[in-house]
Amino acid sequence: MKEEKRIRKDAIDKSKSVIMGPVTEHLIPFFPEFRYNPKDTRFTRFIRNSRGFCGLRWSG
């Protein structure tokens, strides 16, 4: 029974991490310290690899 609880807790913790990554990735551009316009940000599925492109929203 203890092993099952440990396994379930581990699964829940990993699930939380997987969910929080994209949530955080999409919130960071709206923090005042973020130096790019949030509309100019494109995400690459990895929080440390999101990119800001100056003036991107004006292209096209």
C-alpha atoms as a PDB file:
ATOM      1  CA  MET A   1       0.000   0.000   0.000  1.00  0.00           C
ATOM      2  CA  LYS A   2       2.834   2.429   0.814  1.00  0.00           C
ATOM      3  CA  GLU A   3       4.503   1.669  -2.505  1.00  0.00           C
ATOM      4  CA  GLU A   4       1.291   2.414  -4.409  1.00  0.00           C
ATOM      5  CA  LYS A   5       0.889   5.747  -2.603  1.00  0.00           C
ATOM      6  CA  ARG A   6       4.498   6.642  -3.381  1.00  0.00           C
ATOM      7  CA  ILE A   7       4.026   5.793  -7.063  1.00  0.00           C
ATOM      8  CA  ARG A   8       0.800   7.834  -7.269  1.00  0.00           C
ATOM      9  CA  LYS A   9       2.427  10.823  -5.555  1.00  0.00           C
ATOM     10  CA  ASP A  10       5.375  10.613  -7.941  1.00  0.00           C
ATOM     11  CA  ALA A  11       3.014  10.530 -10.947  1.00  0.00           C
ATOM     12  CA  ILE A  12       1.086  13.549  -9.663  1.00  0.00           C
ATOM     13  CA  ASP A  13       4.281  15.516  -9.030  1.00  0.00           C
ATOM     14  CA  LYS A  14       5.552  14.795 -12.543  1.00  0.00           C
ATOM     15  CA  SER A  15       2.192  15.728 -14.032  1.00  0.00           C
ATOM     16  CA  LYS A  16       2.265  19.066 -12.197  1.00  0.00           C
ATOM     17  CA  SER A  17       5.718  19.774 -13.592  1.00  0.00           C
ATOM     18  CA  VAL A  18       4.609  19.009 -17.130  1.00  0.00           C
ATOM     19  CA  ILE A  19       1.604  21.324 -16.799  1.00  0.00           C
ATOM     20  CA  MET A  20       3.434  24.177 -15.061  1.00  0.00           C
ATOM     21  CA  GLY A  21       6.124  24.430 -17.752  1.00  0.00           C
ATOM     22  CA  PRO A  22       3.849  25.719 -20.544  1.00  0.00           C
ATOM     23  CA  VAL A  23       1.783  27.803 -18.108  1.00  0.00           C
ATOM     24  CA  THR A  24       4.907  29.573 -16.871  1.00  0.00           C
ATOM     25  CA  GLU A  25       6.194  29.903 -20.426  1.00  0.00           C
ATOM     26  CA  HIS A  26       3.103  31.831 -21.438  1.00  0.00           C
ATOM     27  CA  LEU A  27       3.021  34.062 -18.335  1.00  0.00           C
ATOM     28  CA  ILE A  28       6.653  35.212 -18.285  1.00  0.00           C
ATOM     29  CA  PRO A  29       6.269  37.680 -21.214  1.00  0.00           C
ATOM     30  CA  PHE A  30       3.764  39.666 -19.149  1.00  0.00           C
ATOM     31  CA  PHE A  31       6.159  40.248 -16.246  1.00  0.00           C
ATOM     32  CA  PRO A  32       7.523  43.819 -16.106  1.00  0.00           C
ATOM     33  CA  GLU A  33      11.135  42.562 -16.285  1.00  0.00           C
ATOM     34  CA  PHE A  34      10.531  40.919 -19.686  1.00  0.00           C
ATOM     35  CA  ARG A  35      12.191  43.244 -22.200  1.00  0.00           C
ATOM     36  CA  TYR A  36      10.197  42.304 -25.325  1.00  0.00           C
ATOM     37  CA  ASN A  37       6.622  42.953 -26.337  1.00  0.00           C
ATOM     38  CA  PRO A  38       4.609  39.821 -25.397  1.00  0.00           C
ATOM     39  CA  LYS A  39       3.064  39.861 -28.887  1.00  0.00           C
ATOM     40  CA  ASP A  40       6.553  39.461 -30.339  1.00  0.00           C
ATOM     41  CA  THR A  41       7.319  36.281 -28.390  1.00  0.00           C
ATOM     42  CA  ARG A  42       7.298  32.829 -29.957  1.00  0.00           C
ATOM     43  CA  PHE A  43       7.641  29.664 -27.917  1.00  0.00           C
ATOM     44  CA  THR A  44       9.639  26.584 -28.832  1.00  0.00           C
ATOM     45  CA  ARG A  45       8.106  24.255 -26.217  1.00  0.00           C
ATOM     46  CA  PHE A  46      11.069  24.698 -23.902  1.00  0.00           C
ATOM     47  CA  ILE A  47      10.845  27.504 -21.341  1.00  0.00           C
ATOM     48  CA  ARG A  48      14.484  28.492 -21.757  1.00  0.00           C
ATOM     49  CA  ASN A  49      14.151  28.566 -25.524  1.00  0.00           C
ATOM     50  CA  SER A  50      11.348  31.085 -25.942  1.00  0.00           C
ATOM     51  CA  ARG A  51      12.405  33.930 -28.195  1.00  0.00           C
ATOM     52  CA  GLY A  52      11.496  37.585 -28.442  1.00  0.00           C
ATOM     53  CA  PHE A  53      11.575  39.229 -31.842  1.00  0.00           C
ATOM     54  CA  CYS A  54      11.474  43.019 -31.897  1.00  0.00           C
ATOM     55  CA  GLY A  55       8.758  44.283 -34.224  1.00  0.00           C
ATOM     56  CA  LEU A  56       7.504  40.824 -35.208  1.00  0.00           C
ATOM     57  CA  ARG A  57       3.898  41.832 -34.647  1.00  0.00           C
ATOM     58  CA  TRP A  58       4.243  44.488 -37.352  1.00  0.00           C
ATOM     59  CA  SER A  59       5.431  42.119 -40.079  1.00  0.00           C
ATOM     60  CA  GLY A  60       3.161  40.598 -42.672  1.00  0.00           C
END
